[in-house]
Amino acid sequence: MSPLGTSDDGAVPDDRAAPEDVVAHLDERLGVLARRSHTSTARLAARIHPDLDASAYPLVLHIAQTPGVRPSEVADHFSIGRGTASRQITRLVELGLVHRATDPDDCRGQVLSLTDAGRASLRAARERRRAWFHEVLGDWDEDDLQTFARLIDRFVESVDRP
């Protein structure tokens, strides 16, 4: 019997687990998921560029999603110091993944975007990751996938709530 009150065959008995047992189980499983996610992110970063540090992968994603972003906005978005952001951005530029340009609205500032190589590498890495998701979730039915997606969205919204 799992902490969720299901038997090994997935059947749910009438005497479901106490809510605190379910929360403890979720805490443990989310910890496992977070550790595996970190490993997966490191692999994904290496697919983008062999010298890309896993900690810089979210910066690449953010720059891809918000082309023209300023380095200070990157620092603010990730709640990191501007010096740390600057060092990571410099490394992304050195790897040929990010391009820095003068801000057309303020010649004292810079804006960031992915290079063609950065976009192509990110696209290939994401396609490979999505293929992996299709493989992992391949035997899930559509209702289960929709429920899972809805519950993850709800969880993220709860976490993001002030």
C-alpha atoms as a PDB file:
ATOM      1  CA  MET A   1       0.000   0.000   0.000  1.00  0.00           C
ATOM      2  CA  SER A   2       1.457   3.404  -0.997  1.00  0.00           C
ATOM      3  CA  PRO A   3       1.155   6.528   1.186  1.00  0.00           C
ATOM      4  CA  LEU A   4      -1.532   7.711  -1.223  1.00  0.00           C
ATOM      5  CA  GLY A   5      -3.787   4.908  -0.088  1.00  0.00           C
ATOM      6  CA  THR A   6      -3.510   2.902  -3.284  1.00  0.00           C
ATOM      7  CA  SER A   7      -2.642  -0.736  -3.514  1.00  0.00           C
ATOM      8  CA  ASP A   8       0.158  -1.975  -5.740  1.00  0.00           C
ATOM      9  CA  ASP A   9      -2.360  -2.468  -8.556  1.00  0.00           C
ATOM     10  CA  GLY A  10      -3.456   1.201  -8.325  1.00  0.00           C
ATOM     11  CA  ALA A  11      -6.874   0.526  -6.792  1.00  0.00           C
ATOM     12  CA  VAL A  12      -7.958   3.068  -4.179  1.00  0.00           C
ATOM     13  CA  PRO A  13      -9.513   1.542  -1.055  1.00  0.00           C
ATOM     14  CA  ASP A  14     -12.262   3.314   0.885  1.00  0.00           C
ATOM     15  CA  ASP A  15      -9.908   4.139   3.763  1.00  0.00           C
ATOM     16  CA  ARG A  16      -7.706   6.703   2.002  1.00  0.00           C
ATOM     17  CA  ALA A  17      -4.474   7.888   3.583  1.00  0.00           C
ATOM     18  CA  ALA A  18      -4.617  10.750   6.037  1.00  0.00           C
ATOM     19  CA  PRO A  19      -3.917  14.158   4.414  1.00  0.00           C
ATOM     20  CA  GLU A  20      -0.610  14.523   6.267  1.00  0.00           C
ATOM     21  CA  ASP A  21       0.548  11.194   4.800  1.00  0.00           C
ATOM     22  CA  VAL A  22      -0.320  12.417   1.318  1.00  0.00           C
ATOM     23  CA  VAL A  23       1.544  15.692   1.904  1.00  0.00           C
ATOM     24  CA  ALA A  24       4.580  13.776   3.200  1.00  0.00           C
ATOM     25  CA  HIS A  25       4.452  11.557   0.125  1.00  0.00           C
ATOM     26  CA  LEU A  26       4.182  14.585  -2.200  1.00  0.00           C
ATOM     27  CA  ASP A  27       7.095  16.241  -0.393  1.00  0.00           C
ATOM     28  CA  GLU A  28       9.264  13.163  -0.902  1.00  0.00           C
ATOM     29  CA  ARG A  29       8.268  12.624  -4.548  1.00  0.00           C
ATOM     30  CA  LEU A  30       8.718  16.295  -5.444  1.00  0.00           C
ATOM     31  CA  GLY A  31      12.196  16.092  -3.901  1.00  0.00           C
ATOM     32  CA  VAL A  32      13.004  13.134  -6.144  1.00  0.00           C
ATOM     33  CA  LEU A  33      11.577  15.000  -9.129  1.00  0.00           C
ATOM     34  CA  ALA A  34      13.643  18.110  -8.317  1.00  0.00           C
ATOM     35  CA  ARG A  35      16.858  16.063  -8.128  1.00  0.00           C
ATOM     36  CA  ARG A  36      16.089  14.345 -11.417  1.00  0.00           C
ATOM     37  CA  SER A  37      15.168  17.674 -12.964  1.00  0.00           C
ATOM     38  CA  HIS A  38      18.546  19.091 -11.967  1.00  0.00           C
ATOM     39  CA  THR A  39      20.292  16.148 -13.642  1.00  0.00           C
ATOM     40  CA  SER A  40      18.077  16.503 -16.700  1.00  0.00           C
ATOM     41  CA  THR A  41      18.826  20.242 -16.891  1.00  0.00           C
ATOM     42  CA  ALA A  42      22.567  19.529 -16.775  1.00  0.00           C
ATOM     43  CA  ARG A  43      22.185  17.090 -19.685  1.00  0.00           C
ATOM     44  CA  LEU A  44      20.049  19.576 -21.590  1.00  0.00           C
ATOM     45  CA  ALA A  45      22.598  22.345 -21.040  1.00  0.00           C
ATOM     46  CA  ALA A  46      25.345  20.061 -22.377  1.00  0.00           C
ATOM     47  CA  ARG A  47      23.269  19.414 -25.503  1.00  0.00           C
ATOM     48  CA  ILE A  48      23.066  23.147 -26.129  1.00  0.00           C
ATOM     49  CA  HIS A  49      26.823  23.514 -25.682  1.00  0.00           C
ATOM     50  CA  PRO A  50      29.265  21.104 -24.043  1.00  0.00           C
ATOM     51  CA  ASP A  51      30.681  23.929 -21.903  1.00  0.00           C
ATOM     52  CA  LEU A  52      27.333  25.384 -20.823  1.00  0.00           C
ATOM     53  CA  ASP A  53      26.869  25.199 -17.072  1.00  0.00           C
ATOM     54  CA  ALA A  54      23.470  23.902 -15.957  1.00  0.00           C
ATOM     55  CA  SER A  55      22.941  27.032 -13.865  1.00  0.00           C
ATOM     56  CA  ALA A  56      23.104  29.148 -17.038  1.00  0.00           C
ATOM     57  CA  TYR A  57      20.454  27.135 -18.886  1.00  0.00           C
ATOM     58  CA  PRO A  58      17.546  29.099 -17.349  1.00  0.00           C
ATOM     59  CA  LEU A  59      19.220  32.314 -18.509  1.00  0.00           C
ATOM     60  CA  VAL A  60      19.362  30.978 -22.067  1.00  0.00           C
ATOM     61  CA  LEU A  61      15.662  30.119 -21.866  1.00  0.00           C
ATOM     62  CA  HIS A  62      14.762  33.537 -20.478  1.00  0.00           C
ATOM     63  CA  ILE A  63      16.732  35.351 -23.176  1.00  0.00           C
ATOM     64  CA  ALA A  64      15.072  33.158 -25.814  1.00  0.00           C
ATOM     65  CA  GLN A  65      11.629  33.998 -24.426  1.00  0.00           C
ATOM     66  CA  THR A  66      12.339  37.723 -24.021  1.00  0.00           C
ATOM     67  CA  PRO A  67      14.668  38.840 -26.814  1.00  0.00           C
ATOM     68  CA  GLY A  68      15.916  42.359 -26.218  1.00  0.00           C
ATOM     69  CA  VAL A  69      16.056  41.847 -22.451  1.00  0.00           C
ATOM     70  CA  ARG A  70      18.625  43.925 -20.564  1.00  0.00           C
ATOM     71  CA  PRO A  71      21.232  42.211 -18.369  1.00  0.00           C
ATOM     72  CA  SER A  72      19.844  44.049 -15.318  1.00  0.00           C
ATOM     73  CA  GLU A  73      16.396  42.622 -16.069  1.00  0.00           C
ATOM     74  CA  VAL A  74      17.909  39.126 -16.249  1.00  0.00           C
ATOM     75  CA  ALA A  75      19.488  39.679 -12.826  1.00  0.00           C
ATOM     76  CA  ASP A  76      16.202  40.949 -11.394  1.00  0.00           C
ATOM     77  CA  HIS A  77      14.194  38.100 -12.940  1.00  0.00           C
ATOM     78  CA  PHE A  78      16.418  35.458 -11.323  1.00  0.00           C
ATOM     79  CA  SER A  79      17.051  37.423  -8.112  1.00  0.00           C
ATOM     80  CA  ILE A  80      20.802  37.258  -8.637  1.00  0.00           C
ATOM     81  CA  GLY A  81      23.386  39.983  -8.357  1.00  0.00           C
ATOM     82  CA  ARG A  82      24.164  42.033 -11.420  1.00  0.00           C
ATOM     83  CA  GLY A  83      27.797  40.926 -11.248  1.00  0.00           C
ATOM     84  CA  THR A  84      26.761  37.270 -11.273  1.00  0.00           C
ATOM     85  CA  ALA A  85      24.395  37.885 -14.180  1.00  0.00           C
ATOM     86  CA  SER A  86      27.101  39.773 -16.047  1.00  0.00           C
ATOM     87  CA  ARG A  87      29.608  36.926 -15.625  1.00  0.00           C
ATOM     88  CA  GLN A  88      27.103  34.322 -16.795  1.00  0.00           C
ATOM     89  CA  ILE A  89      26.006  36.447 -19.748  1.00  0.00           C
ATOM     90  CA  THR A  90      29.646  37.044 -20.714  1.00  0.00           C
ATOM     91  CA  ARG A  91      30.168  33.277 -20.719  1.00  0.00           C
ATOM     92  CA  LEU A  92      27.079  32.796 -22.913  1.00  0.00           C
ATOM     93  CA  VAL A  93      28.478  35.370 -25.338  1.00  0.00           C
ATOM     94  CA  GLU A  94      31.877  33.603 -25.327  1.00  0.00           C
ATOM     95  CA  LEU A  95      30.141  30.301 -26.124  1.00  0.00           C
ATOM     96  CA  GLY A  96      28.448  31.929 -29.109  1.00  0.00           C
ATOM     97  CA  LEU A  97      24.938  31.432 -27.734  1.00  0.00           C
ATOM     98  CA  VAL A  98      24.024  35.031 -26.887  1.00  0.00           C
ATOM     99  CA  HIS A  99      24.534  38.301 -28.708  1.00  0.00           C
ATOM    100  CA  ARG A 100      24.882  41.642 -26.914  1.00  0.00           C
ATOM    101  CA  ALA A 101      23.876  44.810 -28.712  1.00  0.00           C
ATOM    102  CA  THR A 102      23.551  48.447 -27.772  1.00  0.00           C
ATOM    103  CA  ASP A 103      20.037  49.267 -26.618  1.00  0.00           C
ATOM    104  CA  PRO A 104      18.483  51.346 -29.409  1.00  0.00           C
ATOM    105  CA  ASP A 105      16.451  53.286 -26.824  1.00  0.00           C
ATOM    106  CA  ASP A 106      19.411  54.011 -24.535  1.00  0.00           C
ATOM    107  CA  CYS A 107      22.916  53.861 -25.973  1.00  0.00           C
ATOM    108  CA  ARG A 108      24.343  53.353 -22.462  1.00  0.00           C
ATOM    109  CA  GLY A 109      22.538  50.008 -22.077  1.00  0.00           C
ATOM    110  CA  GLN A 110      22.729  46.630 -23.713  1.00  0.00           C
ATOM    111  CA  VAL A 111      20.097  44.199 -24.913  1.00  0.00           C
ATOM    112  CA  LEU A 112      20.463  40.453 -25.271  1.00  0.00           C
ATOM    113  CA  SER A 113      19.220  37.929 -27.783  1.00  0.00           C
ATOM    114  CA  LEU A 114      20.172  34.438 -28.826  1.00  0.00           C
ATOM    115  CA  THR A 115      22.497  34.017 -31.756  1.00  0.00           C
ATOM    116  CA  ASP A 116      21.413  31.844 -34.670  1.00  0.00           C
ATOM    117  CA  ALA A 117      23.598  29.078 -33.216  1.00  0.00           C
ATOM    118  CA  GLY A 118      22.034  29.585 -29.786  1.00  0.00           C
ATOM    119  CA  ARG A 119      18.498  29.363 -31.189  1.00  0.00           C
ATOM    120  CA  ALA A 120      19.335  26.254 -33.230  1.00  0.00           C
ATOM    121  CA  SER A 121      21.013  24.528 -30.278  1.00  0.00           C
ATOM    122  CA  LEU A 122      18.150  25.370 -27.930  1.00  0.00           C
ATOM    123  CA  ARG A 123      15.566  24.199 -30.465  1.00  0.00           C
ATOM    124  CA  ALA A 124      17.379  20.864 -30.980  1.00  0.00           C
ATOM    125  CA  ALA A 125      17.764  20.319 -27.225  1.00  0.00           C
ATOM    126  CA  ARG A 126      14.087  21.084 -26.586  1.00  0.00           C
ATOM    127  CA  GLU A 127      12.971  18.763 -29.388  1.00  0.00           C
ATOM    128  CA  ARG A 128      15.040  15.988 -27.866  1.00  0.00           C
ATOM    129  CA  ARG A 129      13.605  16.675 -24.413  1.00  0.00           C
ATOM    130  CA  ARG A 130      10.055  16.657 -25.771  1.00  0.00           C
ATOM    131  CA  ALA A 131      10.750  13.369 -27.535  1.00  0.00           C
ATOM    132  CA  TRP A 132      11.855  11.998 -24.165  1.00  0.00           C
ATOM    133  CA  PHE A 133       8.584  13.220 -22.589  1.00  0.00           C
ATOM    134  CA  HIS A 134       6.613  11.513 -25.361  1.00  0.00           C
ATOM    135  CA  GLU A 135       8.502   8.303 -24.627  1.00  0.00           C
ATOM    136  CA  VAL A 136       7.984   8.525 -20.858  1.00  0.00           C
ATOM    137  CA  LEU A 137       4.311   9.455 -21.135  1.00  0.00           C
ATOM    138  CA  GLY A 138       3.591   7.304 -24.175  1.00  0.00           C
ATOM    139  CA  ASP A 139       1.403   4.825 -22.341  1.00  0.00           C
ATOM    140  CA  TRP A 140      -0.652   7.485 -20.517  1.00  0.00           C
ATOM    141  CA  ASP A 141      -4.136   8.046 -21.876  1.00  0.00           C
ATOM    142  CA  GLU A 142      -5.302  11.499 -22.925  1.00  0.00           C
ATOM    143  CA  ASP A 143      -7.467  12.006 -19.824  1.00  0.00           C
ATOM    144  CA  ASP A 144      -4.531  11.266 -17.511  1.00  0.00           C
ATOM    145  CA  LEU A 145      -2.275  13.670 -19.447  1.00  0.00           C
ATOM    146  CA  GLN A 146      -4.905  16.427 -19.300  1.00  0.00           C
ATOM    147  CA  THR A 147      -5.450  15.858 -15.567  1.00  0.00           C
ATOM    148  CA  PHE A 148      -1.711  15.835 -14.882  1.00  0.00           C
ATOM    149  CA  ALA A 149      -1.197  19.065 -16.862  1.00  0.00           C
ATOM    150  CA  ARG A 150      -4.128  20.755 -15.102  1.00  0.00           C
ATOM    151  CA  LEU A 151      -2.877  19.735 -11.656  1.00  0.00           C
ATOM    152  CA  ILE A 152       0.675  20.861 -12.371  1.00  0.00           C
ATOM    153  CA  ASP A 153      -0.660  24.226 -13.566  1.00  0.00           C
ATOM    154  CA  ARG A 154      -2.712  24.508 -10.385  1.00  0.00           C
ATOM    155  CA  PHE A 155       0.286  23.589  -8.230  1.00  0.00           C
ATOM    156  CA  VAL A 156       2.530  26.164  -9.947  1.00  0.00           C
ATOM    157  CA  GLU A 157      -0.135  28.840  -9.544  1.00  0.00           C
ATOM    158  CA  SER A 158      -0.378  27.993  -5.835  1.00  0.00           C
ATOM    159  CA  VAL A 159       3.392  28.215  -5.440  1.00  0.00           C
ATOM    160  CA  ASP A 160       3.509  31.537  -7.308  1.00  0.00           C
ATOM    161  CA  ARG A 161       0.693  33.074  -5.275  1.00  0.00           C
ATOM    162  CA  PRO A 162       2.026  35.847  -2.995  1.00  0.00           C
END
